[in-house]
């Protein structure tokens, strides 16, 4: 799928599917794009899902990153606002999906009192 260009109908399907944001209706998008009413929408989705739809969904998520950041700042400024905990959780979830999650690092130091040294075998010429 990555090397095969999309057909005009597939492009229209994607446009109509994402036209309404996350609430897009796959069956209606397929009909509007010119597929018959009996076309199995899951066949269309299976052809497109791994390459195109994931990229489109990622683009939609990235589109809302700035809104998520604004939400976090708003909650920081007024944590008592009704719905603040839920808005904060949603913003954090979206930022996490966009790849902006907090990275936890764990540093491990270990000192072995009796180290083991592995010596390569001697060449017969060196004997």
C-alpha atoms as a PDB file:
ATOM      1  CA  UNK A   1       0.000   0.000   0.000  1.00  0.00           C
ATOM      2  CA  UNK A   2       2.857   2.376   0.728  1.00  0.00           C
ATOM      3  CA  UNK A   3       4.046   2.362  -2.915  1.00  0.00           C
ATOM      4  CA  UNK A   4       0.633   2.183  -4.569  1.00  0.00           C
ATOM      5  CA  UNK A   5      -0.994   5.563  -5.183  1.00  0.00           C
ATOM      6  CA  UNK A   6      -4.516   5.981  -3.864  1.00  0.00           C
ATOM      7  CA  UNK A   7      -7.416   5.941  -6.272  1.00  0.00           C
ATOM      8  CA  UNK A   8      -9.668   8.960  -6.586  1.00  0.00           C
ATOM      9  CA  UNK A   9     -12.413   7.089  -4.739  1.00  0.00           C
ATOM     10  CA  UNK A  10     -10.075   6.175  -1.892  1.00  0.00           C
ATOM     11  CA  UNK A  11      -8.985   9.810  -1.571  1.00  0.00           C
ATOM     12  CA  UNK A  12     -12.616  10.940  -1.502  1.00  0.00           C
ATOM     13  CA  UNK A  13     -13.444   8.257   1.054  1.00  0.00           C
ATOM     14  CA  UNK A  14     -10.687   9.532   3.355  1.00  0.00           C
ATOM     15  CA  UNK A  15     -11.735  13.136   2.863  1.00  0.00           C
ATOM     16  CA  UNK A  16     -15.357  12.360   3.753  1.00  0.00           C
ATOM     17  CA  UNK A  17     -14.378  10.042   6.603  1.00  0.00           C
ATOM     18  CA  UNK A  18     -12.339  12.712   8.381  1.00  0.00           C
ATOM     19  CA  UNK A  19     -14.509  15.631   7.328  1.00  0.00           C
ATOM     20  CA  UNK A  20     -16.498  15.456  10.554  1.00  0.00           C
ATOM     21  CA  UNK A  21     -13.437  14.923  12.742  1.00  0.00           C
ATOM     22  CA  UNK A  22     -13.451  11.893  15.022  1.00  0.00           C
ATOM     23  CA  UNK A  23     -17.188  11.350  14.480  1.00  0.00           C
ATOM     24  CA  UNK A  24     -16.811  10.418  10.781  1.00  0.00           C
ATOM     25  CA  UNK A  25     -19.160   7.681   9.570  1.00  0.00           C
ATOM     26  CA  UNK A  26     -17.293   5.107   7.410  1.00  0.00           C
ATOM     27  CA  UNK A  27     -20.424   3.782   5.669  1.00  0.00           C
ATOM     28  CA  UNK A  28     -21.657   7.272   4.714  1.00  0.00           C
ATOM     29  CA  UNK A  29     -18.142   8.280   3.631  1.00  0.00           C
ATOM     30  CA  UNK A  30     -17.953   5.252   1.327  1.00  0.00           C
ATOM     31  CA  UNK A  31     -21.334   6.004  -0.269  1.00  0.00           C
ATOM     32  CA  UNK A  32     -20.455   9.687  -0.752  1.00  0.00           C
ATOM     33  CA  UNK A  33     -17.132   8.671  -2.327  1.00  0.00           C
ATOM     34  CA  UNK A  34     -18.933   6.601  -4.967  1.00  0.00           C
ATOM     35  CA  UNK A  35     -18.825   3.102  -3.528  1.00  0.00           C
ATOM     36  CA  UNK A  36     -22.022   1.099  -3.761  1.00  0.00           C
ATOM     37  CA  UNK A  37     -24.255   0.701  -0.718  1.00  0.00           C
ATOM     38  CA  UNK A  38     -23.364  -2.996  -0.601  1.00  0.00           C
ATOM     39  CA  UNK A  39     -19.610  -2.394  -0.492  1.00  0.00           C
ATOM     40  CA  UNK A  40     -18.066  -3.807   2.656  1.00  0.00           C
ATOM     41  CA  UNK A  41     -16.594  -0.776   4.416  1.00  0.00           C
ATOM     42  CA  UNK A  42     -14.182  -3.011   6.321  1.00  0.00           C
ATOM     43  CA  UNK A  43     -12.535  -4.052   3.042  1.00  0.00           C
ATOM     44  CA  UNK A  44     -11.880  -0.408   2.219  1.00  0.00           C
ATOM     45  CA  UNK A  45     -10.605   0.278   5.716  1.00  0.00           C
ATOM     46  CA  UNK A  46      -8.352  -2.790   5.678  1.00  0.00           C
ATOM     47  CA  UNK A  47      -6.707  -1.585   2.475  1.00  0.00           C
ATOM     48  CA  UNK A  48      -6.067   1.851   3.917  1.00  0.00           C
ATOM     49  CA  UNK A  49      -5.670   1.425   7.657  1.00  0.00           C
ATOM     50  CA  UNK A  50      -1.985   0.725   8.095  1.00  0.00           C
ATOM     51  CA  UNK A  51      -0.654   3.420   5.871  1.00  0.00           C
ATOM     52  CA  UNK A  52      -3.064   6.220   5.176  1.00  0.00           C
ATOM     53  CA  UNK A  53      -5.571   6.290   8.028  1.00  0.00           C
ATOM     54  CA  UNK A  54      -2.877   6.068  10.691  1.00  0.00           C
ATOM     55  CA  UNK A  55      -1.060   9.034   9.140  1.00  0.00           C
ATOM     56  CA  UNK A  56      -4.313  10.994   8.888  1.00  0.00           C
ATOM     57  CA  UNK A  57      -5.224  10.170  12.508  1.00  0.00           C
ATOM     58  CA  UNK A  58      -1.737  11.184  13.637  1.00  0.00           C
ATOM     59  CA  UNK A  59      -2.158  14.465  11.776  1.00  0.00           C
ATOM     60  CA  UNK A  60      -5.484  15.072  13.529  1.00  0.00           C
ATOM     61  CA  UNK A  61      -3.887  14.345  16.905  1.00  0.00           C
ATOM     62  CA  UNK A  62      -1.030  16.733  16.149  1.00  0.00           C
ATOM     63  CA  UNK A  63      -3.569  19.362  15.119  1.00  0.00           C
ATOM     64  CA  UNK A  64      -4.995  19.318  18.651  1.00  0.00           C
ATOM     65  CA  UNK A  65      -1.636  19.356  20.465  1.00  0.00           C
ATOM     66  CA  UNK A  66      -1.749  23.141  20.870  1.00  0.00           C
ATOM     67  CA  UNK A  67      -5.280  22.900  22.307  1.00  0.00           C
ATOM     68  CA  UNK A  68      -4.064  20.314  24.795  1.00  0.00           C
ATOM     69  CA  UNK A  69      -1.218  22.536  25.879  1.00  0.00           C
ATOM     70  CA  UNK A  70      -3.636  25.457  26.300  1.00  0.00           C
ATOM     71  CA  UNK A  71      -5.899  23.209  28.400  1.00  0.00           C
ATOM     72  CA  UNK A  72      -3.054  22.205  30.682  1.00  0.00           C
ATOM     73  CA  UNK A  73      -2.048  25.842  31.165  1.00  0.00           C
ATOM     74  CA  UNK A  74      -5.673  26.818  31.831  1.00  0.00           C
ATOM     75  CA  UNK A  75      -5.997  24.086  34.479  1.00  0.00           C
ATOM     76  CA  UNK A  76      -2.715  25.215  36.049  1.00  0.00           C
ATOM     77  CA  UNK A  77      -4.059  28.754  36.283  1.00  0.00           C
ATOM     78  CA  UNK A  78      -7.441  27.716  37.698  1.00  0.00           C
ATOM     79  CA  UNK A  79      -7.422  24.144  39.050  1.00  0.00           C
ATOM     80  CA  UNK A  80     -10.810  24.653  40.719  1.00  0.00           C
ATOM     81  CA  UNK A  81     -12.670  25.119  37.414  1.00  0.00           C
ATOM     82  CA  UNK A  82     -15.432  22.513  36.993  1.00  0.00           C
ATOM     83  CA  UNK A  83     -14.256  19.608  34.854  1.00  0.00           C
ATOM     84  CA  UNK A  84     -10.581  20.527  35.234  1.00  0.00           C
ATOM     85  CA  UNK A  85      -9.405  17.023  36.236  1.00  0.00           C
ATOM     86  CA  UNK A  86     -11.175  15.427  33.256  1.00  0.00           C
ATOM     87  CA  UNK A  87      -9.877  18.078  30.828  1.00  0.00           C
ATOM     88  CA  UNK A  88      -6.361  17.611  32.178  1.00  0.00           C
ATOM     89  CA  UNK A  89      -6.562  13.844  31.761  1.00  0.00           C
ATOM     90  CA  UNK A  90      -7.833  14.194  28.168  1.00  0.00           C
ATOM     91  CA  UNK A  91      -5.087  16.685  27.315  1.00  0.00           C
ATOM     92  CA  UNK A  92      -2.407  14.447  28.814  1.00  0.00           C
ATOM     93  CA  UNK A  93      -3.765  11.447  26.918  1.00  0.00           C
ATOM     94  CA  UNK A  94      -3.709  13.287  23.607  1.00  0.00           C
ATOM     95  CA  UNK A  95      -0.193  14.586  24.223  1.00  0.00           C
ATOM     96  CA  UNK A  96       0.893  11.062  25.121  1.00  0.00           C
ATOM     97  CA  UNK A  97      -0.533   9.717  21.839  1.00  0.00           C
ATOM     98  CA  UNK A  98       1.207  12.523  19.961  1.00  0.00           C
ATOM     99  CA  UNK A  99       4.551  11.426  21.417  1.00  0.00           C
ATOM    100  CA  UNK A 100       4.928  14.208  23.969  1.00  0.00           C
ATOM    101  CA  UNK A 101       4.724  11.990  27.019  1.00  0.00           C
ATOM    102  CA  UNK A 102       6.990  12.359  29.987  1.00  0.00           C
ATOM    103  CA  UNK A 103      10.055  10.178  29.717  1.00  0.00           C
ATOM    104  CA  UNK A 104      11.005   8.364  32.892  1.00  0.00           C
ATOM    105  CA  UNK A 105      14.676   7.555  33.144  1.00  0.00           C
ATOM    106  CA  UNK A 106      16.166   5.004  35.427  1.00  0.00           C
ATOM    107  CA  UNK A 107      19.874   5.183  36.051  1.00  0.00           C
ATOM    108  CA  UNK A 108      21.534   2.081  37.376  1.00  0.00           C
ATOM    109  CA  UNK A 109      25.050   2.036  38.751  1.00  0.00           C
ATOM    110  CA  UNK A 110      26.678  -1.187  39.689  1.00  0.00           C
ATOM    111  CA  UNK A 111      30.149  -1.886  40.956  1.00  0.00           C
ATOM    112  CA  UNK A 112      31.319  -5.455  40.923  1.00  0.00           C
ATOM    113  CA  UNK A 113      33.969  -6.079  43.584  1.00  0.00           C
ATOM    114  CA  UNK A 114      35.364  -9.068  41.709  1.00  0.00           C
ATOM    115  CA  UNK A 115      35.275  -8.275  38.017  1.00  0.00           C
ATOM    116  CA  UNK A 116      35.633 -10.990  35.418  1.00  0.00           C
ATOM    117  CA  UNK A 117      37.943 -10.441  32.480  1.00  0.00           C
ATOM    118  CA  UNK A 118      37.465 -12.550  29.395  1.00  0.00           C
ATOM    119  CA  UNK A 119      40.683 -13.022  27.471  1.00  0.00           C
ATOM    120  CA  UNK A 120      40.525 -14.151  23.846  1.00  0.00           C
ATOM    121  CA  UNK A 121      42.274 -17.414  23.003  1.00  0.00           C
ATOM    122  CA  UNK A 122      45.902 -17.302  21.961  1.00  0.00           C
ATOM    123  CA  UNK A 123      46.810 -17.698  18.340  1.00  0.00           C
ATOM    124  CA  UNK A 124      49.009 -20.714  17.666  1.00  0.00           C
ATOM    125  CA  UNK A 125      51.574 -18.378  16.104  1.00  0.00           C
ATOM    126  CA  UNK A 126      52.067 -16.524  19.406  1.00  0.00           C
ATOM    127  CA  UNK A 127      53.091 -19.651  21.388  1.00  0.00           C
END
